[in-house]
Every structure is written in structure tokens, then in C-alpha cells.
Amino acid sequence: MQASELTDDQVAEPVEMFRQIGDPTRLKIIAACLRVPMCVSYIAARYGLAQTLVSRHLRLLRAARGLRADRCGKQIFCVATDEHVKRVISDMAEHECEYPPSEFDEPTKEE
């Protein structure tokens, strides 16, 4: 099936995923977990966030099927669910870096 043939039901999950990664903090978290599993305490320290806030973001990302959590003792490590998620995030970042922001900025009127 091609993306142009998606039904309303098939659109719901990707929409939720994009809604969840539309939050800047959650996007940073999921990007940090693309290659290697990251523990909650490391993510919290890296971004200067409370562990409870990180846990909440991770719960939302897991519910949207962007991350999976693996327990190792008392710590929970999160990593991108699969190669599809890794490609979507990596491709978005690569796309953003391809073009200088000024190339797409609206022209401003000089006063």
C-alpha cells in the first residue's frame, strides 16, 4: 500500500507519532535514543530535566511506538523502536541541515 492510499484509520497512528515528536523536548529525547539505549537518569542530566519529566515524555513516546523500554536492574533504558523510526528522525534532521534557513525565509521589507 502506498502512503497516498492511507485510510483514516491508518493515518491515526502516524499522526499521533508526529504529534508526540513535535514537542522539542521529546524530539531531543528520541534523537538521543536513536543509536544506543539511554537510561532515564542520563537523559535527565543531559538536558537538565527532572527524571519524572523525562519519564513522562518517555511514556508518551513509548505509547506512540517511537521508543521501547528495556529494564536492566533498577534502570530503564530506552531506544528507538526500529529502523523505521531511526530513518524518519535521521531523515528529518538531514533534511533540515541540507538547506540554509535563509533559503526558505520570507523576504522582509527593508525600512
PDB file of N, CA and C in Angstrom:
ATOM      1  N   MET A   1       0.838  -1.190   0.000  1.00  0.00           N
ATOM      2  CA  MET A   1       0.000   0.000   0.000  1.00  0.00           C
ATOM      3  C   MET A   1       0.880   1.248   0.000  1.00  0.00           C
ATOM      4  N   GLN A   2       0.506   2.219  -0.764  1.00  0.00           N
ATOM      5  CA  GLN A   2       1.257   3.467  -0.839  1.00  0.00           C
ATOM      6  C   GLN A   2       0.683   4.475   0.149  1.00  0.00           C
ATOM      7  N   ALA A   3       1.520   5.418   0.565  1.00  0.00           N
ATOM      8  CA  ALA A   3       1.090   6.427   1.529  1.00  0.00           C
ATOM      9  C   ALA A   3      -0.107   7.223   1.018  1.00  0.00           C
ATOM     10  N   SER A   4      -0.218   7.407  -0.289  1.00  0.00           N
ATOM     11  CA  SER A   4      -1.326   8.184  -0.841  1.00  0.00           C
ATOM     12  C   SER A   4      -2.655   7.436  -0.743  1.00  0.00           C
ATOM     13  N   GLU A   5      -2.614   6.145  -0.391  1.00  0.00           N
ATOM     14  CA  GLU A   5      -3.818   5.338  -0.302  1.00  0.00           C
ATOM     15  C   GLU A   5      -4.231   5.044   1.139  1.00  0.00           C
ATOM     16  N   LEU A   6      -3.703   5.756   2.100  1.00  0.00           N
ATOM     17  CA  LEU A   6      -3.999   5.507   3.502  1.00  0.00           C
ATOM     18  C   LEU A   6      -5.445   5.856   3.840  1.00  0.00           C
ATOM     19  N   THR A   7      -6.060   5.011   4.643  1.00  0.00           N
ATOM     20  CA  THR A   7      -7.406   5.287   5.141  1.00  0.00           C
ATOM     21  C   THR A   7      -7.297   6.157   6.393  1.00  0.00           C
ATOM     22  N   ASP A   8      -8.417   6.655   6.855  1.00  0.00           N
ATOM     23  CA  ASP A   8      -8.411   7.469   8.068  1.00  0.00           C
ATOM     24  C   ASP A   8      -7.855   6.694   9.258  1.00  0.00           C
ATOM     25  N   ASP A   9      -8.209   5.428   9.373  1.00  0.00           N
ATOM     26  CA  ASP A   9      -7.705   4.607  10.474  1.00  0.00           C
ATOM     27  C   ASP A   9      -6.193   4.416  10.388  1.00  0.00           C
ATOM     28  N   GLN A  10      -5.672   4.266   9.189  1.00  0.00           N
ATOM     29  CA  GLN A  10      -4.242   4.053   9.010  1.00  0.00           C
ATOM     30  C   GLN A  10      -3.440   5.332   9.232  1.00  0.00           C
ATOM     31  N   VAL A  11      -4.075   6.451   9.161  1.00  0.00           N
ATOM     32  CA  VAL A  11      -3.409   7.739   9.363  1.00  0.00           C
ATOM     33  C   VAL A  11      -3.282   8.069  10.849  1.00  0.00           C
ATOM     34  N   ALA A  12      -4.139   7.520  11.664  1.00  0.00           N
ATOM     35  CA  ALA A  12      -4.205   7.888  13.080  1.00  0.00           C
ATOM     36  C   ALA A  12      -2.878   7.671  13.823  1.00  0.00           C
ATOM     37  N   GLU A  13      -2.255   6.509  13.655  1.00  0.00           N
ATOM     38  CA  GLU A  13      -1.022   6.239  14.400  1.00  0.00           C
ATOM     39  C   GLU A  13       0.142   7.132  13.970  1.00  0.00           C
ATOM     40  N   PRO A  14       0.398   7.301  12.667  1.00  0.00           N
ATOM     41  CA  PRO A  14       1.478   8.228  12.300  1.00  0.00           C
ATOM     42  C   PRO A  14       1.214   9.659  12.774  1.00  0.00           C
ATOM     43  N   VAL A  15      -0.045  10.078  12.742  1.00  0.00           N
ATOM     44  CA  VAL A  15      -0.376  11.421  13.216  1.00  0.00           C
ATOM     45  C   VAL A  15      -0.009  11.558  14.690  1.00  0.00           C
ATOM     46  N   GLU A  16      -0.341  10.549  15.483  1.00  0.00           N
ATOM     47  CA  GLU A  16      -0.010  10.588  16.909  1.00  0.00           C
ATOM     48  C   GLU A  16       1.503  10.595  17.108  1.00  0.00           C
ATOM     49  N   MET A  17       2.215   9.816  16.334  1.00  0.00           N
ATOM     50  CA  MET A  17       3.673   9.787  16.433  1.00  0.00           C
ATOM     51  C   MET A  17       4.262  11.160  16.117  1.00  0.00           C
ATOM     52  N   PHE A  18       3.815  11.772  15.034  1.00  0.00           N
ATOM     53  CA  PHE A  18       4.336  13.095  14.674  1.00  0.00           C
ATOM     54  C   PHE A  18       3.926  14.144  15.705  1.00  0.00           C
ATOM     55  N   ARG A  19       2.754  13.989  16.285  1.00  0.00           N
ATOM     56  CA  ARG A  19       2.320  14.925  17.328  1.00  0.00           C
ATOM     57  C   ARG A  19       3.256  14.817  18.539  1.00  0.00           C
ATOM     58  N   GLN A  20       3.611  13.599  18.892  1.00  0.00           N
ATOM     59  CA  GLN A  20       4.487  13.406  20.049  1.00  0.00           C
ATOM     60  C   GLN A  20       5.898  13.926  19.796  1.00  0.00           C
ATOM     61  N   ILE A  21       6.436  13.687  18.615  1.00  0.00           N
ATOM     62  CA  ILE A  21       7.797  14.174  18.353  1.00  0.00           C
ATOM     63  C   ILE A  21       7.810  15.640  17.952  1.00  0.00           C
ATOM     64  N   GLY A  22       6.620  16.256  17.852  1.00  0.00           N
ATOM     65  CA  GLY A  22       6.532  17.687  17.573  1.00  0.00           C
ATOM     66  C   GLY A  22       6.930  18.530  18.770  1.00  0.00           C
ATOM     67  N   ASP A  23       7.002  17.932  19.933  1.00  0.00           N
ATOM     68  CA  ASP A  23       7.445  18.628  21.131  1.00  0.00           C
ATOM     69  C   ASP A  23       8.972  18.656  21.126  1.00  0.00           C
ATOM     70  N   PRO A  24       9.592  19.828  21.290  1.00  0.00           N
ATOM     71  CA  PRO A  24      11.055  19.921  21.205  1.00  0.00           C
ATOM     72  C   PRO A  24      11.799  18.998  22.173  1.00  0.00           C
ATOM     73  N   THR A  25      11.313  18.887  23.394  1.00  0.00           N
ATOM     74  CA  THR A  25      11.989  18.031  24.370  1.00  0.00           C
ATOM     75  C   THR A  25      11.887  16.570  23.966  1.00  0.00           C
ATOM     76  N   ARG A  26      10.712  16.145  23.534  1.00  0.00           N
ATOM     77  CA  ARG A  26      10.554  14.748  23.127  1.00  0.00           C
ATOM     78  C   ARG A  26      11.371  14.438  21.878  1.00  0.00           C
ATOM     79  N   LEU A  27      11.482  15.399  20.972  1.00  0.00           N
ATOM     80  CA  LEU A  27      12.308  15.179  19.780  1.00  0.00           C
ATOM     81  C   LEU A  27      13.772  15.002  20.169  1.00  0.00           C
ATOM     82  N   LYS A  28      14.254  15.824  21.108  1.00  0.00           N
ATOM     83  CA  LYS A  28      15.632  15.677  21.590  1.00  0.00           C
ATOM     84  C   LYS A  28      15.831  14.312  22.234  1.00  0.00           C
ATOM     85  N   ILE A  29      14.851  13.889  23.028  1.00  0.00           N
ATOM     86  CA  ILE A  29      14.962  12.603  23.725  1.00  0.00           C
ATOM     87  C   ILE A  29      15.011  11.458  22.732  1.00  0.00           C
ATOM     88  N   ILE A  30      14.095  11.456  21.776  1.00  0.00           N
ATOM     89  CA  ILE A  30      14.070  10.346  20.820  1.00  0.00           C
ATOM     90  C   ILE A  30      15.331  10.362  19.949  1.00  0.00           C
ATOM     91  N   ALA A  31      15.823  11.533  19.608  1.00  0.00           N
ATOM     92  CA  ALA A  31      17.060  11.626  18.821  1.00  0.00           C
ATOM     93  C   ALA A  31      18.239  11.074  19.618  1.00  0.00           C
ATOM     94  N   ALA A  32      18.263  11.323  20.918  1.00  0.00           N
ATOM     95  CA  ALA A  32      19.345  10.816  21.765  1.00  0.00           C
ATOM     96  C   ALA A  32      19.315   9.295  21.853  1.00  0.00           C
ATOM     97  N   CYS A  33      18.147   8.711  21.668  1.00  0.00           N
ATOM     98  CA  CYS A  33      17.980   7.255  21.810  1.00  0.00           C
ATOM     99  C   CYS A  33      18.016   6.516  20.478  1.00  0.00           C
ATOM    100  N   LEU A  34      18.441   7.167  19.421  1.00  0.00           N
ATOM    101  CA  LEU A  34      18.420   6.518  18.105  1.00  0.00           C
ATOM    102  C   LEU A  34      19.416   5.373  17.989  1.00  0.00           C
ATOM    103  N   ARG A  35      20.622   5.573  18.461  1.00  0.00           N
ATOM    104  CA  ARG A  35      21.681   4.605  18.195  1.00  0.00           C
ATOM    105  C   ARG A  35      21.943   3.632  19.346  1.00  0.00           C
ATOM    106  N   VAL A  36      21.895   4.144  20.550  1.00  0.00           N
ATOM    107  CA  VAL A  36      22.166   3.299  21.721  1.00  0.00           C
ATOM    108  C   VAL A  36      21.101   3.536  22.788  1.00  0.00           C
ATOM    109  N   PRO A  37      20.809   2.527  23.580  1.00  0.00           N
ATOM    110  CA  PRO A  37      19.843   2.718  24.675  1.00  0.00           C
ATOM    111  C   PRO A  37      20.367   3.738  25.678  1.00  0.00           C
ATOM    112  N   MET A  38      19.473   4.596  26.121  1.00  0.00           N
ATOM    113  CA  MET A  38      19.821   5.632  27.101  1.00  0.00           C
ATOM    114  C   MET A  38      18.967   5.442  28.344  1.00  0.00           C
ATOM    115  N   CYS A  39      19.592   5.600  29.514  1.00  0.00           N
ATOM    116  CA  CYS A  39      18.818   5.481  30.750  1.00  0.00           C
ATOM    117  C   CYS A  39      18.202   6.832  31.098  1.00  0.00           C
ATOM    118  N   VAL A  40      17.139   6.762  31.870  1.00  0.00           N
ATOM    119  CA  VAL A  40      16.375   7.952  32.233  1.00  0.00           C
ATOM    120  C   VAL A  40      17.268   8.982  32.919  1.00  0.00           C
ATOM    121  N   SER A  41      18.123   8.535  33.847  1.00  0.00           N
ATOM    122  CA  SER A  41      18.959   9.490  34.585  1.00  0.00           C
ATOM    123  C   SER A  41      19.954  10.199  33.669  1.00  0.00           C
ATOM    124  N   TYR A  42      20.481   9.497  32.667  1.00  0.00           N
ATOM    125  CA  TYR A  42      21.407  10.128  31.728  1.00  0.00           C
ATOM    126  C   TYR A  42      20.685  11.171  30.877  1.00  0.00           C
ATOM    127  N   ILE A  43      19.502  10.835  30.382  1.00  0.00           N
ATOM    128  CA  ILE A  43      18.723  11.780  29.570  1.00  0.00           C
ATOM    129  C   ILE A  43      18.386  13.018  30.398  1.00  0.00           C
ATOM    130  N   ALA A  44      17.979  12.799  31.646  1.00  0.00           N
ATOM    131  CA  ALA A  44      17.630  13.922  32.533  1.00  0.00           C
ATOM    132  C   ALA A  44      18.832  14.841  32.740  1.00  0.00           C
ATOM    133  N   ALA A  45      19.994  14.254  33.007  1.00  0.00           N
ATOM    134  CA  ALA A  45      21.203  15.060  33.224  1.00  0.00           C
ATOM    135  C   ALA A  45      21.622  15.772  31.943  1.00  0.00           C
ATOM    136  N   ARG A  46      21.543  15.084  30.821  1.00  0.00           N
ATOM    137  CA  ARG A  46      21.971  15.658  29.540  1.00  0.00           C
ATOM    138  C   ARG A  46      21.178  16.906  29.175  1.00  0.00           C
ATOM    139  N   TYR A  47      19.880  16.883  29.455  1.00  0.00           N
ATOM    140  CA  TYR A  47      19.023  18.004  29.061  1.00  0.00           C
ATOM    141  C   TYR A  47      18.576  18.872  30.236  1.00  0.00           C
ATOM    142  N   GLY A  48      19.092  18.603  31.420  1.00  0.00           N
ATOM    143  CA  GLY A  48      18.764  19.418  32.586  1.00  0.00           C
ATOM    144  C   GLY A  48      17.301  19.323  32.983  1.00  0.00           C
ATOM    145  N   LEU A  49      16.745  18.127  32.914  1.00  0.00           N
ATOM    146  CA  LEU A  49      15.336  17.906  33.229  1.00  0.00           C
ATOM    147  C   LEU A  49      15.195  17.015  34.454  1.00  0.00           C
ATOM    148  N   ALA A  50      14.066  17.124  35.117  1.00  0.00           N
ATOM    149  CA  ALA A  50      13.772  16.224  36.230  1.00  0.00           C
ATOM    150  C   ALA A  50      13.500  14.826  35.683  1.00  0.00           C
ATOM    151  N   GLN A  51      13.915  13.815  36.423  1.00  0.00           N
ATOM    152  CA  GLN A  51      13.704  12.440  35.968  1.00  0.00           C
ATOM    153  C   GLN A  51      12.218  12.127  35.788  1.00  0.00           C
ATOM    154  N   THR A  52      11.377  12.714  36.628  1.00  0.00           N
ATOM    155  CA  THR A  52       9.935  12.465  36.485  1.00  0.00           C
ATOM    156  C   THR A  52       9.410  13.028  35.167  1.00  0.00           C
ATOM    157  N   LEU A  53       9.927  14.173  34.758  1.00  0.00           N
ATOM    158  CA  LEU A  53       9.514  14.767  33.487  1.00  0.00           C
ATOM    159  C   LEU A  53      10.007  13.911  32.315  1.00  0.00           C
ATOM    160  N   VAL A  54      11.241  13.445  32.402  1.00  0.00           N
ATOM    161  CA  VAL A  54      11.782  12.575  31.362  1.00  0.00           C
ATOM    162  C   VAL A  54      10.945  11.299  31.278  1.00  0.00           C
ATOM    163  N   SER A  55      10.609  10.728  32.409  1.00  0.00           N
ATOM    164  CA  SER A  55       9.793   9.514  32.431  1.00  0.00           C
ATOM    165  C   SER A  55       8.443   9.742  31.765  1.00  0.00           C
ATOM    166  N   ARG A  56       7.865  10.908  31.997  1.00  0.00           N
ATOM    167  CA  ARG A  56       6.573  11.231  31.376  1.00  0.00           C
ATOM    168  C   ARG A  56       6.714  11.321  29.856  1.00  0.00           C
ATOM    169  N   HIS A  57       7.756  12.006  29.396  1.00  0.00           N
ATOM    170  CA  HIS A  57       7.999  12.106  27.957  1.00  0.00           C
ATOM    171  C   HIS A  57       8.247  10.725  27.349  1.00  0.00           C
ATOM    172  N   LEU A  58       9.021   9.903  28.041  1.00  0.00           N
ATOM    173  CA  LEU A  58       9.305   8.564  27.541  1.00  0.00           C
ATOM    174  C   LEU A  58       8.043   7.716  27.460  1.00  0.00           C
ATOM    175  N   ARG A  59       7.161   7.867  28.442  1.00  0.00           N
ATOM    176  CA  ARG A  59       5.897   7.129  28.423  1.00  0.00           C
ATOM    177  C   ARG A  59       5.091   7.495  27.186  1.00  0.00           C
ATOM    178  N   LEU A  60       5.037   8.782  26.863  1.00  0.00           N
ATOM    179  CA  LEU A  60       4.298   9.238  25.676  1.00  0.00           C
ATOM    180  C   LEU A  60       4.940   8.722  24.389  1.00  0.00           C
ATOM    181  N   LEU A  61       6.260   8.734  24.339  1.00  0.00           N
ATOM    182  CA  LEU A  61       6.967   8.241  23.148  1.00  0.00           C
ATOM    183  C   LEU A  61       6.813   6.732  22.988  1.00  0.00           C
ATOM    184  N   ARG A  62       6.778   6.010  24.110  1.00  0.00           N
ATOM    185  CA  ARG A  62       6.544   4.558  24.026  1.00  0.00           C
ATOM    186  C   ARG A  62       5.118   4.271  23.570  1.00  0.00           C
ATOM    187  N   ALA A  63       4.162   5.040  24.074  1.00  0.00           N
ATOM    188  CA  ALA A  63       2.755   4.853  23.683  1.00  0.00           C
ATOM    189  C   ALA A  63       2.572   5.119  22.189  1.00  0.00           C
ATOM    190  N   ALA A  64       3.353   6.039  21.641  1.00  0.00           N
ATOM    191  CA  ALA A  64       3.272   6.362  20.207  1.00  0.00           C
ATOM    192  C   ALA A  64       4.135   5.403  19.381  1.00  0.00           C
ATOM    193  N   ARG A  65       4.735   4.427  20.029  1.00  0.00           N
ATOM    194  CA  ARG A  65       5.566   3.396  19.393  1.00  0.00           C
ATOM    195  C   ARG A  65       6.844   3.953  18.766  1.00  0.00           C
ATOM    196  N   GLY A  66       7.362   5.039  19.350  1.00  0.00           N
ATOM    197  CA  GLY A  66       8.614   5.607  18.866  1.00  0.00           C
ATOM    198  C   GLY A  66       9.819   5.056  19.604  1.00  0.00           C
ATOM    199  N   LEU A  67       9.603   4.707  20.871  1.00  0.00           N
ATOM    200  CA  LEU A  67      10.665   4.146  21.704  1.00  0.00           C
ATOM    201  C   LEU A  67      10.187   2.859  22.348  1.00  0.00           C
ATOM    202  N   ARG A  68      11.151   2.030  22.704  1.00  0.00           N
ATOM    203  CA  ARG A  68      10.834   0.878  23.539  1.00  0.00           C
ATOM    204  C   ARG A  68      11.726   0.965  24.767  1.00  0.00           C
ATOM    205  N   ALA A  69      11.253   0.402  25.859  1.00  0.00           N
ATOM    206  CA  ALA A  69      11.986   0.454  27.121  1.00  0.00           C
ATOM    207  C   ALA A  69      12.426  -0.947  27.512  1.00  0.00           C
ATOM    208  N   ASP A  70      13.672  -1.046  27.933  1.00  0.00           N
ATOM    209  CA  ASP A  70      14.225  -2.310  28.419  1.00  0.00           C
ATOM    210  C   ASP A  70      14.744  -2.078  29.830  1.00  0.00           C
ATOM    211  N   ARG A  71      14.338  -2.935  30.748  1.00  0.00           N
ATOM    212  CA  ARG A  71      14.775  -2.803  32.136  1.00  0.00           C
ATOM    213  C   ARG A  71      16.062  -3.605  32.345  1.00  0.00           C
ATOM    214  N   CYS A  72      16.995  -2.982  33.046  1.00  0.00           N
ATOM    215  CA  CYS A  72      18.237  -3.649  33.425  1.00  0.00           C
ATOM    216  C   CYS A  72      18.442  -3.330  34.904  1.00  0.00           C
ATOM    217  N   GLY A  73      18.052  -4.252  35.764  1.00  0.00           N
ATOM    218  CA  GLY A  73      18.092  -3.989  37.200  1.00  0.00           C
ATOM    219  C   GLY A  73      17.039  -2.951  37.548  1.00  0.00           C
ATOM    220  N   LYS A  74      17.481  -1.891  38.204  1.00  0.00           N
ATOM    221  CA  LYS A  74      16.550  -0.820  38.578  1.00  0.00           C
ATOM    222  C   LYS A  74      16.428   0.258  37.513  1.00  0.00           C
ATOM    223  N   GLN A  75      17.299   0.216  36.515  1.00  0.00           N
ATOM    224  CA  GLN A  75      17.284   1.253  35.487  1.00  0.00           C
ATOM    225  C   GLN A  75      16.490   0.813  34.270  1.00  0.00           C
ATOM    226  N   ILE A  76      15.891   1.808  33.634  1.00  0.00           N
ATOM    227  CA  ILE A  76      15.169   1.578  32.384  1.00  0.00           C
ATOM    228  C   ILE A  76      15.940   2.271  31.273  1.00  0.00           C
ATOM    229  N   PHE A  77      16.230   1.535  30.225  1.00  0.00           N
ATOM    230  CA  PHE A  77      16.941   2.068  29.074  1.00  0.00           C
ATOM    231  C   PHE A  77      15.973   2.147  27.900  1.00  0.00           C
ATOM    232  N   CYS A  78      16.000   3.261  27.214  1.00  0.00           N
ATOM    233  CA  CYS A  78      15.108   3.470  26.075  1.00  0.00           C
ATOM    234  C   CYS A  78      15.915   3.572  24.791  1.00  0.00           C
ATOM    235  N   VAL A  79      15.345   3.023  23.737  1.00  0.00           N
ATOM    236  CA  VAL A  79      15.984   3.041  22.425  1.00  0.00           C
ATOM    237  C   VAL A  79      14.871   3.137  21.379  1.00  0.00           C
ATOM    238  N   ALA A  80      15.215   3.672  20.217  1.00  0.00           N
ATOM    239  CA  ALA A  80      14.242   3.775  19.124  1.00  0.00           C
ATOM    240  C   ALA A  80      13.671   2.390  18.824  1.00  0.00           C
ATOM    241  N   THR A  81      12.393   2.350  18.537  1.00  0.00           N
ATOM    242  CA  THR A  81      11.679   1.089  18.340  1.00  0.00           C
ATOM    243  C   THR A  81      12.285   0.234  17.242  1.00  0.00           C
ATOM    244  N   ASP A  82      12.550   0.834  16.077  1.00  0.00           N
ATOM    245  CA  ASP A  82      13.072   0.052  14.957  1.00  0.00           C
ATOM    246  C   ASP A  82      13.733   0.972  13.938  1.00  0.00           C
ATOM    247  N   GLU A  83      14.163   0.380  12.837  1.00  0.00           N
ATOM    248  CA  GLU A  83      14.854   1.144  11.792  1.00  0.00           C
ATOM    249  C   GLU A  83      13.960   2.201  11.155  1.00  0.00           C
ATOM    250  N   HIS A  84      12.661   1.959  11.098  1.00  0.00           N
ATOM    251  CA  HIS A  84      11.751   2.959  10.509  1.00  0.00           C
ATOM    252  C   HIS A  84      11.803   4.265  11.295  1.00  0.00           C
ATOM    253  N   VAL A  85      11.716   4.151  12.612  1.00  0.00           N
ATOM    254  CA  VAL A  85      11.751   5.340  13.468  1.00  0.00           C
ATOM    255  C   VAL A  85      13.099   6.031  13.322  1.00  0.00           C
ATOM    256  N   LYS A  86      14.167   5.257  13.318  1.00  0.00           N
ATOM    257  CA  LYS A  86      15.504   5.843  13.163  1.00  0.00           C
ATOM    258  C   LYS A  86      15.616   6.611  11.851  1.00  0.00           C
ATOM    259  N   ARG A  87      15.092   6.034  10.777  1.00  0.00           N
ATOM    260  CA  ARG A  87      15.177   6.702   9.471  1.00  0.00           C
ATOM    261  C   ARG A  87      14.347   7.981   9.440  1.00  0.00           C
ATOM    262  N   VAL A  88      13.151   7.948  10.005  1.00  0.00           N
ATOM    263  CA  VAL A  88      12.294   9.142   9.993  1.00  0.00           C
ATOM    264  C   VAL A  88      12.997  10.296  10.702  1.00  0.00           C
ATOM    265  N   ILE A  89      13.511  10.041  11.900  1.00  0.00           N
ATOM    266  CA  ILE A  89      14.167  11.102  12.674  1.00  0.00           C
ATOM    267  C   ILE A  89      15.456  11.551  11.981  1.00  0.00           C
ATOM    268  N   SER A  90      16.253  10.596  11.543  1.00  0.00           N
ATOM    269  CA  SER A  90      17.513  10.936  10.870  1.00  0.00           C
ATOM    270  C   SER A  90      17.268  11.700   9.574  1.00  0.00           C
ATOM    271  N   ASP A  91      16.277  11.260   8.799  1.00  0.00           N
ATOM    272  CA  ASP A  91      15.966  11.943   7.539  1.00  0.00           C
ATOM    273  C   ASP A  91      15.466  13.365   7.782  1.00  0.00           C
ATOM    274  N   MET A  92      14.665  13.560   8.835  1.00  0.00           N
ATOM    275  CA  MET A  92      14.187  14.917   9.152  1.00  0.00           C
ATOM    276  C   MET A  92      15.364  15.813   9.506  1.00  0.00           C
ATOM    277  N   ALA A  93      16.274  15.309  10.327  1.00  0.00           N
ATOM    278  CA  ALA A  93      17.441  16.101  10.727  1.00  0.00           C
ATOM    279  C   ALA A  93      18.325  16.403   9.522  1.00  0.00           C
ATOM    280  N   GLU A  94      18.539  15.406   8.692  1.00  0.00           N
ATOM    281  CA  GLU A  94      19.354  15.604   7.491  1.00  0.00           C
ATOM    282  C   GLU A  94      18.712  16.616   6.549  1.00  0.00           C
ATOM    283  N   HIS A  95      17.414  16.517   6.385  1.00  0.00           N
ATOM    284  CA  HIS A  95      16.686  17.449   5.518  1.00  0.00           C
ATOM    285  C   HIS A  95      16.842  18.883   6.028  1.00  0.00           C
ATOM    286  N   GLU A  96      16.737  19.063   7.323  1.00  0.00           N
ATOM    287  CA  GLU A  96      16.859  20.394   7.914  1.00  0.00           C
ATOM    288  C   GLU A  96      18.251  20.972   7.683  1.00  0.00           C
ATOM    289  N   CYS A  97      19.263  20.121   7.684  1.00  0.00           N
ATOM    290  CA  CYS A  97      20.639  20.582   7.508  1.00  0.00           C
ATOM    291  C   CYS A  97      21.007  20.817   6.045  1.00  0.00           C
ATOM    292  N   GLU A  98      20.193  20.327   5.117  1.00  0.00           N
ATOM    293  CA  GLU A  98      20.502  20.479   3.690  1.00  0.00           C
ATOM    294  C   GLU A  98      20.416  21.922   3.202  1.00  0.00           C
ATOM    295  N   TYR A  99      19.466  22.644   3.728  1.00  0.00           N
ATOM    296  CA  TYR A  99      19.202  23.983   3.216  1.00  0.00           C
ATOM    297  C   TYR A  99      19.398  25.014   4.312  1.00  0.00           C
ATOM    298  N   PRO A 100      20.111  26.074   4.004  1.00  0.00           N
ATOM    299  CA  PRO A 100      20.230  27.150   4.995  1.00  0.00           C
ATOM    300  C   PRO A 100      18.849  27.747   5.251  1.00  0.00           C
ATOM    301  N   PRO A 101      18.542  28.109   6.496  1.00  0.00           N
ATOM    302  CA  PRO A 101      17.227  28.664   6.800  1.00  0.00           C
ATOM    303  C   PRO A 101      16.855  29.855   5.927  1.00  0.00           C
ATOM    304  N   SER A 102      17.812  30.681   5.548  1.00  0.00           N
ATOM    305  CA  SER A 102      17.511  31.883   4.767  1.00  0.00           C
ATOM    306  C   SER A 102      16.950  31.548   3.391  1.00  0.00           C
ATOM    307  N   GLU A 103      17.232  30.353   2.902  1.00  0.00           N
ATOM    308  CA  GLU A 103      16.752  29.970   1.576  1.00  0.00           C
ATOM    309  C   GLU A 103      15.223  29.866   1.535  1.00  0.00           C
ATOM    310  N   PHE A 104      14.622  29.570   2.687  1.00  0.00           N
ATOM    311  CA  PHE A 104      13.172  29.418   2.736  1.00  0.00           C
ATOM    312  C   PHE A 104      12.476  30.522   3.503  1.00  0.00           C
ATOM    313  N   ASP A 105      13.245  31.439   4.059  1.00  0.00           N
ATOM    314  CA  ASP A 105      12.647  32.550   4.798  1.00  0.00           C
ATOM    315  C   ASP A 105      11.903  33.462   3.851  1.00  0.00           C
ATOM    316  N   GLU A 106      10.848  34.050   4.360  1.00  0.00           N
ATOM    317  CA  GLU A 106      10.105  35.028   3.586  1.00  0.00           C
ATOM    318  C   GLU A 106      10.937  36.314   3.482  1.00  0.00           C
ATOM    319  N   PRO A 107      10.894  36.967   2.347  1.00  0.00           N
ATOM    320  CA  PRO A 107      11.635  38.218   2.240  1.00  0.00           C
ATOM    321  C   PRO A 107      11.034  39.260   3.193  1.00  0.00           C
ATOM    322  N   THR A 108      11.903  40.038   3.793  1.00  0.00           N
ATOM    323  CA  THR A 108      11.438  41.080   4.703  1.00  0.00           C
ATOM    324  C   THR A 108      11.538  42.428   4.004  1.00  0.00           C
ATOM    325  N   LYS A 109      10.651  43.315   4.394  1.00  0.00           N
ATOM    326  CA  LYS A 109      10.692  44.671   3.844  1.00  0.00           C
ATOM    327  C   LYS A 109      11.727  45.482   4.596  1.00  0.00           C
ATOM    328  N   GLU A 110      12.563  46.133   3.855  1.00  0.00           N
ATOM    329  CA  GLU A 110      13.545  46.998   4.500  1.00  0.00           C
ATOM    330  C   GLU A 110      12.909  48.343   4.748  1.00  0.00           C
ATOM    331  N   GLU A 111      13.166  48.833   5.921  1.00  0.00           N
ATOM    332  CA  GLU A 111      12.549  50.109   6.288  1.00  0.00           C
ATOM    333  C   GLU A 111      13.442  51.264   5.966  1.00  0.00           C
TER     334      GLU A 111
END
